Amino acid sequence: MGTRTVHVSLSVRGALLDWSDREFEGVFSHPDGRKMTPREAKSALMDELAKGHEVLPCAADCEGFDYVKGCPGHVTD
C-alpha cells in the first residue's frame, strides 16, 4: 500500500502581502531563465490573481493541481 503525498503550494495573496522585496529576489524566473526583479515577480503574481489563481504549485509534477485548493494529494509507492 502506498503513502499519500501532498505537494507544497504558494499562497499568491500571502506572498504579495507578507514578503519583502528581499524575499522575492531570485525566487521567480522568466520563461527564458532570467531571474525576475521583485517588481516583475509581484506583477506576475498579480496576473495570477487576475486569472483566479489563489495558490501556485511548487512542484512541476503535481498531477491534478487546483489553483484554488492546491494539491489534491497523491498515492506514492
PDB file of N, CA and C in Angstrom:
ATOM      1  N   MET A   1       0.844  -1.169   0.000  1.00  0.00           N
ATOM      2  CA  MET A   1       0.000   0.000   0.000  1.00  0.00           C
ATOM      3  C   MET A   1       0.894   1.239   0.000  1.00  0.00           C
ATOM      4  N   GLY A   2       0.512   2.268  -0.775  1.00  0.00           N
ATOM      5  CA  GLY A   2       1.314   3.480  -0.924  1.00  0.00           C
ATOM      6  C   GLY A   2       1.086   4.486   0.191  1.00  0.00           C
ATOM      7  N   THR A   3       1.863   5.507   0.139  1.00  0.00           N
ATOM      8  CA  THR A   3       1.780   6.623   1.090  1.00  0.00           C
ATOM      9  C   THR A   3       1.155   7.813   0.377  1.00  0.00           C
ATOM     10  N   ARG A   4       0.326   8.555   1.078  1.00  0.00           N
ATOM     11  CA  ARG A   4      -0.287   9.743   0.476  1.00  0.00           C
ATOM     12  C   ARG A   4       0.674  10.925   0.627  1.00  0.00           C
ATOM     13  N   THR A   5       0.979  11.569  -0.503  1.00  0.00           N
ATOM     14  CA  THR A   5       1.877  12.708  -0.552  1.00  0.00           C
ATOM     15  C   THR A   5       1.098  13.945  -0.985  1.00  0.00           C
ATOM     16  N   VAL A   6       1.376  15.070  -0.375  1.00  0.00           N
ATOM     17  CA  VAL A   6       0.772  16.341  -0.770  1.00  0.00           C
ATOM     18  C   VAL A   6       1.902  17.312  -1.091  1.00  0.00           C
ATOM     19  N   HIS A   7       1.830  17.920  -2.294  1.00  0.00           N
ATOM     20  CA  HIS A   7       2.841  18.899  -2.695  1.00  0.00           C
ATOM     21  C   HIS A   7       2.580  20.255  -2.042  1.00  0.00           C
ATOM     22  N   VAL A   8       3.642  21.011  -1.877  1.00  0.00           N
ATOM     23  CA  VAL A   8       3.573  22.355  -1.310  1.00  0.00           C
ATOM     24  C   VAL A   8       3.095  23.331  -2.380  1.00  0.00           C
ATOM     25  N   SER A   9       2.327  24.323  -1.959  1.00  0.00           N
ATOM     26  CA  SER A   9       1.895  25.374  -2.879  1.00  0.00           C
ATOM     27  C   SER A   9       2.152  26.733  -2.239  1.00  0.00           C
ATOM     28  N   LEU A  10       2.171  27.761  -3.066  1.00  0.00           N
ATOM     29  CA  LEU A  10       2.420  29.126  -2.618  1.00  0.00           C
ATOM     30  C   LEU A  10       1.116  29.905  -2.637  1.00  0.00           C
ATOM     31  N   SER A  11       0.780  30.539  -1.543  1.00  0.00           N
ATOM     32  CA  SER A  11      -0.366  31.437  -1.493  1.00  0.00           C
ATOM     33  C   SER A  11       0.029  32.735  -2.198  1.00  0.00           C
ATOM     34  N   VAL A  12      -0.626  33.024  -3.312  1.00  0.00           N
ATOM     35  CA  VAL A  12      -0.297  34.216  -4.091  1.00  0.00           C
ATOM     36  C   VAL A  12      -0.548  35.472  -3.256  1.00  0.00           C
ATOM     37  N   ARG A  13      -1.708  35.561  -2.678  1.00  0.00           N
ATOM     38  CA  ARG A  13      -2.072  36.726  -1.864  1.00  0.00           C
ATOM     39  C   ARG A  13      -1.130  36.866  -0.661  1.00  0.00           C
ATOM     40  N   GLY A  14      -0.793  35.752  -0.040  1.00  0.00           N
ATOM     41  CA  GLY A  14       0.112  35.777   1.101  1.00  0.00           C
ATOM     42  C   GLY A  14       1.482  36.316   0.736  1.00  0.00           C
ATOM     43  N   ALA A  15       2.026  35.887  -0.394  1.00  0.00           N
ATOM     44  CA  ALA A  15       3.336  36.386  -0.831  1.00  0.00           C
ATOM     45  C   ALA A  15       3.269  37.882  -1.106  1.00  0.00           C
ATOM     46  N   LEU A  16       2.217  38.320  -1.794  1.00  0.00           N
ATOM     47  CA  LEU A  16       2.098  39.738  -2.116  1.00  0.00           C
ATOM     48  C   LEU A  16       1.970  40.602  -0.866  1.00  0.00           C
ATOM     49  N   LEU A  17       1.262  40.118   0.126  1.00  0.00           N
ATOM     50  CA  LEU A  17       1.031  40.910   1.336  1.00  0.00           C
ATOM     51  C   LEU A  17       2.178  40.830   2.336  1.00  0.00           C
ATOM     52  N   ASP A  18       2.843  39.680   2.419  1.00  0.00           N
ATOM     53  CA  ASP A  18       3.778  39.445   3.517  1.00  0.00           C
ATOM     54  C   ASP A  18       5.255  39.475   3.158  1.00  0.00           C
ATOM     55  N   TRP A  19       5.607  39.233   1.882  1.00  0.00           N
ATOM     56  CA  TRP A  19       7.020  39.144   1.523  1.00  0.00           C
ATOM     57  C   TRP A  19       7.634  40.518   1.300  1.00  0.00           C
ATOM     58  N   SER A  20       8.860  40.691   1.750  1.00  0.00           N
ATOM     59  CA  SER A  20       9.628  41.908   1.456  1.00  0.00           C
ATOM     60  C   SER A  20      10.261  41.754   0.074  1.00  0.00           C
ATOM     61  N   ASP A  21      10.748  42.858  -0.480  1.00  0.00           N
ATOM     62  CA  ASP A  21      11.440  42.777  -1.769  1.00  0.00           C
ATOM     63  C   ASP A  21      12.607  41.808  -1.706  1.00  0.00           C
ATOM     64  N   ARG A  22      13.307  41.772  -0.596  1.00  0.00           N
ATOM     65  CA  ARG A  22      14.453  40.866  -0.439  1.00  0.00           C
ATOM     66  C   ARG A  22      14.009  39.407  -0.566  1.00  0.00           C
ATOM     67  N   GLU A  23      12.827  39.077  -0.022  1.00  0.00           N
ATOM     68  CA  GLU A  23      12.337  37.697  -0.090  1.00  0.00           C
ATOM     69  C   GLU A  23      11.935  37.297  -1.509  1.00  0.00           C
ATOM     70  N   PHE A  24      11.616  38.266  -2.363  1.00  0.00           N
ATOM     71  CA  PHE A  24      11.260  37.976  -3.750  1.00  0.00           C
ATOM     72  C   PHE A  24      12.482  37.730  -4.631  1.00  0.00           C
ATOM     73  N   GLU A  25      13.641  38.243  -4.228  1.00  0.00           N
ATOM     74  CA  GLU A  25      14.839  38.157  -5.060  1.00  0.00           C
ATOM     75  C   GLU A  25      15.232  36.708  -5.342  1.00  0.00           C
ATOM     76  N   GLY A  26      15.346  36.384  -6.634  1.00  0.00           N
ATOM     77  CA  GLY A  26      15.812  35.080  -7.065  1.00  0.00           C
ATOM     78  C   GLY A  26      14.814  33.949  -6.979  1.00  0.00           C
ATOM     79  N   VAL A  27      13.567  34.226  -6.582  1.00  0.00           N
ATOM     80  CA  VAL A  27      12.583  33.158  -6.418  1.00  0.00           C
ATOM     81  C   VAL A  27      11.851  32.843  -7.725  1.00  0.00           C
ATOM     82  N   PHE A  28      11.560  33.863  -8.510  1.00  0.00           N
ATOM     83  CA  PHE A  28      10.791  33.681  -9.741  1.00  0.00           C
ATOM     84  C   PHE A  28      11.667  33.944 -10.949  1.00  0.00           C
ATOM     85  N   SER A  29      11.388  33.216 -12.036  1.00  0.00           N
ATOM     86  CA  SER A  29      12.168  33.356 -13.267  1.00  0.00           C
ATOM     87  C   SER A  29      11.252  33.589 -14.459  1.00  0.00           C
ATOM     88  N   HIS A  30      11.794  34.285 -15.465  1.00  0.00           N
ATOM     89  CA  HIS A  30      11.126  34.436 -16.754  1.00  0.00           C
ATOM     90  C   HIS A  30      11.193  33.099 -17.483  1.00  0.00           C
ATOM     91  N   PRO A  31      10.360  32.890 -18.494  1.00  0.00           N
ATOM     92  CA  PRO A  31      10.419  31.629 -19.257  1.00  0.00           C
ATOM     93  C   PRO A  31      11.803  31.320 -19.843  1.00  0.00           C
ATOM     94  N   ASP A  32      12.595  32.367 -20.122  1.00  0.00           N
ATOM     95  CA  ASP A  32      13.933  32.130 -20.684  1.00  0.00           C
ATOM     96  C   ASP A  32      14.996  31.869 -19.622  1.00  0.00           C
ATOM     97  N   GLY A  33      14.578  31.826 -18.342  1.00  0.00           N
ATOM     98  CA  GLY A  33      15.500  31.504 -17.259  1.00  0.00           C
ATOM     99  C   GLY A  33      16.063  32.693 -16.504  1.00  0.00           C
ATOM    100  N   ARG A  34      15.898  33.907 -17.035  1.00  0.00           N
ATOM    101  CA  ARG A  34      16.377  35.091 -16.309  1.00  0.00           C
ATOM    102  C   ARG A  34      15.572  35.279 -15.033  1.00  0.00           C
ATOM    103  N   LYS A  35      16.241  35.665 -13.960  1.00  0.00           N
ATOM    104  CA  LYS A  35      15.564  35.904 -12.683  1.00  0.00           C
ATOM    105  C   LYS A  35      14.750  37.190 -12.769  1.00  0.00           C
ATOM    106  N   MET A  36      13.562  37.167 -12.182  1.00  0.00           N
ATOM    107  CA  MET A  36      12.717  38.356 -12.133  1.00  0.00           C
ATOM    108  C   MET A  36      13.158  39.268 -10.998  1.00  0.00           C
ATOM    109  N   THR A  37      12.986  40.561 -11.221  1.00  0.00           N
ATOM    110  CA  THR A  37      13.181  41.519 -10.140  1.00  0.00           C
ATOM    111  C   THR A  37      11.971  41.387  -9.209  1.00  0.00           C
ATOM    112  N   PRO A  38      12.065  41.888  -7.985  1.00  0.00           N
ATOM    113  CA  PRO A  38      10.896  41.838  -7.101  1.00  0.00           C
ATOM    114  C   PRO A  38       9.652  42.478  -7.738  1.00  0.00           C
ATOM    115  N   ARG A  39       9.832  43.596  -8.424  1.00  0.00           N
ATOM    116  CA  ARG A  39       8.697  44.269  -9.068  1.00  0.00           C
ATOM    117  C   ARG A  39       8.081  43.392 -10.165  1.00  0.00           C
ATOM    118  N   GLU A  40       8.910  42.738 -10.969  1.00  0.00           N
ATOM    119  CA  GLU A  40       8.416  41.842 -12.016  1.00  0.00           C
ATOM    120  C   GLU A  40       7.683  40.652 -11.403  1.00  0.00           C
ATOM    121  N   ALA A  41       8.221  40.113 -10.320  1.00  0.00           N
ATOM    122  CA  ALA A  41       7.602  38.970  -9.652  1.00  0.00           C
ATOM    123  C   ALA A  41       6.237  39.341  -9.082  1.00  0.00           C
ATOM    124  N   LYS A  42       6.155  40.503  -8.456  1.00  0.00           N
ATOM    125  CA  LYS A  42       4.876  40.960  -7.910  1.00  0.00           C
ATOM    126  C   LYS A  42       3.852  41.163  -9.023  1.00  0.00           C
ATOM    127  N   SER A  43       4.280  41.703 -10.140  1.00  0.00           N
ATOM    128  CA  SER A  43       3.388  41.898 -11.283  1.00  0.00           C
ATOM    129  C   SER A  43       2.890  40.548 -11.811  1.00  0.00           C
ATOM    130  N   ALA A  44       3.788  39.569 -11.898  1.00  0.00           N
ATOM    131  CA  ALA A  44       3.400  38.232 -12.352  1.00  0.00           C
ATOM    132  C   ALA A  44       2.397  37.603 -11.391  1.00  0.00           C
ATOM    133  N   LEU A  45       2.586  37.802 -10.093  1.00  0.00           N
ATOM    134  CA  LEU A  45       1.638  37.260  -9.113  1.00  0.00           C
ATOM    135  C   LEU A  45       0.289  37.960  -9.211  1.00  0.00           C
ATOM    136  N   MET A  46       0.287  39.252  -9.470  1.00  0.00           N
ATOM    137  CA  MET A  46      -0.978  39.976  -9.674  1.00  0.00           C
ATOM    138  C   MET A  46      -1.713  39.411 -10.886  1.00  0.00           C
ATOM    139  N   ASP A  47      -0.969  39.065 -11.940  1.00  0.00           N
ATOM    140  CA  ASP A  47      -1.574  38.446 -13.121  1.00  0.00           C
ATOM    141  C   ASP A  47      -2.207  37.101 -12.762  1.00  0.00           C
ATOM    142  N   GLU A  48      -1.546  36.338 -11.892  1.00  0.00           N
ATOM    143  CA  GLU A  48      -2.101  35.048 -11.462  1.00  0.00           C
ATOM    144  C   GLU A  48      -3.402  35.244 -10.691  1.00  0.00           C
ATOM    145  N   LEU A  49      -3.445  36.245  -9.808  1.00  0.00           N
ATOM    146  CA  LEU A  49      -4.689  36.531  -9.085  1.00  0.00           C
ATOM    147  C   LEU A  49      -5.801  36.922 -10.042  1.00  0.00           C
ATOM    148  N   ALA A  50      -5.465  37.689 -11.084  1.00  0.00           N
ATOM    149  CA  ALA A  50      -6.455  38.100 -12.075  1.00  0.00           C
ATOM    150  C   ALA A  50      -7.032  36.897 -12.823  1.00  0.00           C
ATOM    151  N   LYS A  51      -6.259  35.813 -12.920  1.00  0.00           N
ATOM    152  CA  LYS A  51      -6.729  34.569 -13.551  1.00  0.00           C
ATOM    153  C   LYS A  51      -7.552  33.717 -12.590  1.00  0.00           C
ATOM    154  N   GLY A  52      -7.661  34.157 -11.329  1.00  0.00           N
ATOM    155  CA  GLY A  52      -8.377  33.380 -10.325  1.00  0.00           C
ATOM    156  C   GLY A  52      -7.510  32.366  -9.616  1.00  0.00           C
ATOM    157  N   HIS A  53      -6.202  32.449  -9.796  1.00  0.00           N
ATOM    158  CA  HIS A  53      -5.268  31.509  -9.169  1.00  0.00           C
ATOM    159  C   HIS A  53      -4.905  31.992  -7.775  1.00  0.00           C
ATOM    160  N   GLU A  54      -5.432  31.345  -6.754  1.00  0.00           N
ATOM    161  CA  GLU A  54      -5.161  31.705  -5.359  1.00  0.00           C
ATOM    162  C   GLU A  54      -3.854  31.102  -4.858  1.00  0.00           C
ATOM    163  N   VAL A  55      -3.507  29.924  -5.350  1.00  0.00           N
ATOM    164  CA  VAL A  55      -2.268  29.245  -4.970  1.00  0.00           C
ATOM    165  C   VAL A  55      -1.557  28.765  -6.225  1.00  0.00           C
ATOM    166  N   LEU A  56      -0.229  28.639  -6.148  1.00  0.00           N
ATOM    167  CA  LEU A  56       0.581  28.144  -7.255  1.00  0.00           C
ATOM    168  C   LEU A  56       1.356  26.916  -6.803  1.00  0.00           C
ATOM    169  N   PRO A  57       1.531  25.942  -7.704  1.00  0.00           N
ATOM    170  CA  PRO A  57       2.272  24.736  -7.320  1.00  0.00           C
ATOM    171  C   PRO A  57       3.758  25.025  -7.148  1.00  0.00           C
ATOM    172  N   CYS A  58       4.377  24.368  -6.193  1.00  0.00           N
ATOM    173  CA  CYS A  58       5.822  24.464  -6.003  1.00  0.00           C
ATOM    174  C   CYS A  58       6.526  23.238  -6.573  1.00  0.00           C
ATOM    175  N   ALA A  59       5.766  22.342  -7.180  1.00  0.00           N
ATOM    176  CA  ALA A  59       6.321  21.149  -7.822  1.00  0.00           C
ATOM    177  C   ALA A  59       5.777  21.087  -9.242  1.00  0.00           C
ATOM    178  N   ALA A  60       6.646  20.842 -10.190  1.00  0.00           N
ATOM    179  CA  ALA A  60       6.234  20.801 -11.596  1.00  0.00           C
ATOM    180  C   ALA A  60       5.388  19.573 -11.920  1.00  0.00           C
ATOM    181  N   ASP A  61       5.481  18.535 -11.126  1.00  0.00           N
ATOM    182  CA  ASP A  61       4.821  17.271 -11.439  1.00  0.00           C
ATOM    183  C   ASP A  61       3.583  17.003 -10.587  1.00  0.00           C
ATOM    184  N   CYS A  62       2.889  18.038 -10.161  1.00  0.00           N
ATOM    185  CA  CYS A  62       1.714  17.865  -9.301  1.00  0.00           C
ATOM    186  C   CYS A  62       0.483  17.617 -10.174  1.00  0.00           C
ATOM    187  N   GLU A  63       0.136  16.350 -10.317  1.00  0.00           N
ATOM    188  CA  GLU A  63      -0.992  15.952 -11.152  1.00  0.00           C
ATOM    189  C   GLU A  63      -2.314  16.343 -10.491  1.00  0.00           C
ATOM    190  N   GLY A  64      -3.181  17.012 -11.238  1.00  0.00           N
ATOM    191  CA  GLY A  64      -4.494  17.381 -10.733  1.00  0.00           C
ATOM    192  C   GLY A  64      -4.495  18.625  -9.858  1.00  0.00           C
ATOM    193  N   PHE A  65      -3.437  19.438  -9.942  1.00  0.00           N
ATOM    194  CA  PHE A  65      -3.339  20.637  -9.110  1.00  0.00           C
ATOM    195  C   PHE A  65      -4.527  21.559  -9.350  1.00  0.00           C
ATOM    196  N   ASP A  66      -5.082  22.111  -8.284  1.00  0.00           N
ATOM    197  CA  ASP A  66      -6.201  23.048  -8.342  1.00  0.00           C
ATOM    198  C   ASP A  66      -5.694  24.405  -7.882  1.00  0.00           C
ATOM    199  N   TYR A  67      -5.871  25.438  -8.705  1.00  0.00           N
ATOM    200  CA  TYR A  67      -5.329  26.756  -8.412  1.00  0.00           C
ATOM    201  C   TYR A  67      -6.070  27.505  -7.306  1.00  0.00           C
ATOM    202  N   VAL A  68      -7.107  26.904  -6.750  1.00  0.00           N
ATOM    203  CA  VAL A  68      -7.795  27.474  -5.596  1.00  0.00           C
ATOM    204  C   VAL A  68      -7.526  26.628  -4.358  1.00  0.00           C
ATOM    205  N   LYS A  69      -7.599  25.299  -4.500  1.00  0.00           N
ATOM    206  CA  LYS A  69      -7.441  24.395  -3.363  1.00  0.00           C
ATOM    207  C   LYS A  69      -6.026  23.853  -3.183  1.00  0.00           C
ATOM    208  N   GLY A  70      -5.229  23.842  -4.250  1.00  0.00           N
ATOM    209  CA  GLY A  70      -3.868  23.307  -4.166  1.00  0.00           C
ATOM    210  C   GLY A  70      -3.778  21.859  -4.596  1.00  0.00           C
ATOM    211  N   CYS A  71      -2.822  21.141  -4.039  1.00  0.00           N
ATOM    212  CA  CYS A  71      -2.545  19.745  -4.397  1.00  0.00           C
ATOM    213  C   CYS A  71      -3.639  18.831  -3.828  1.00  0.00           C
ATOM    214  N   PRO A  72      -4.201  17.953  -4.680  1.00  0.00           N
ATOM    215  CA  PRO A  72      -5.228  17.036  -4.194  1.00  0.00           C
ATOM    216  C   PRO A  72      -4.673  15.862  -3.398  1.00  0.00           C
ATOM    217  N   GLY A  73      -3.360  15.702  -3.410  1.00  0.00           N
ATOM    218  CA  GLY A  73      -2.725  14.551  -2.752  1.00  0.00           C
ATOM    219  C   GLY A  73      -2.516  13.435  -3.751  1.00  0.00           C
ATOM    220  N   HIS A  74      -1.477  12.669  -3.550  1.00  0.00           N
ATOM    221  CA  HIS A  74      -1.098  11.600  -4.472  1.00  0.00           C
ATOM    222  C   HIS A  74      -0.657  10.389  -3.672  1.00  0.00           C
ATOM    223  N   VAL A  75      -1.026   9.224  -4.136  1.00  0.00           N
ATOM    224  CA  VAL A  75      -0.545   7.996  -3.523  1.00  0.00           C
ATOM    225  C   VAL A  75       0.762   7.628  -4.207  1.00  0.00           C
ATOM    226  N   THR A  76       1.804   7.419  -3.407  1.00  0.00           N
ATOM    227  CA  THR A  76       3.117   7.040  -3.926  1.00  0.00           C
ATOM    228  C   THR A  76       3.510   5.702  -3.343  1.00  0.00           C
ATOM    229  N   ASP A  77       4.312   4.964  -4.085  1.00  0.00           N
ATOM    230  CA  ASP A  77       4.801   3.654  -3.623  1.00  0.00           C
ATOM    231  C   ASP A  77       5.986   3.790  -2.715  1.00  0.00           C
TER     232      ASP A  77
END
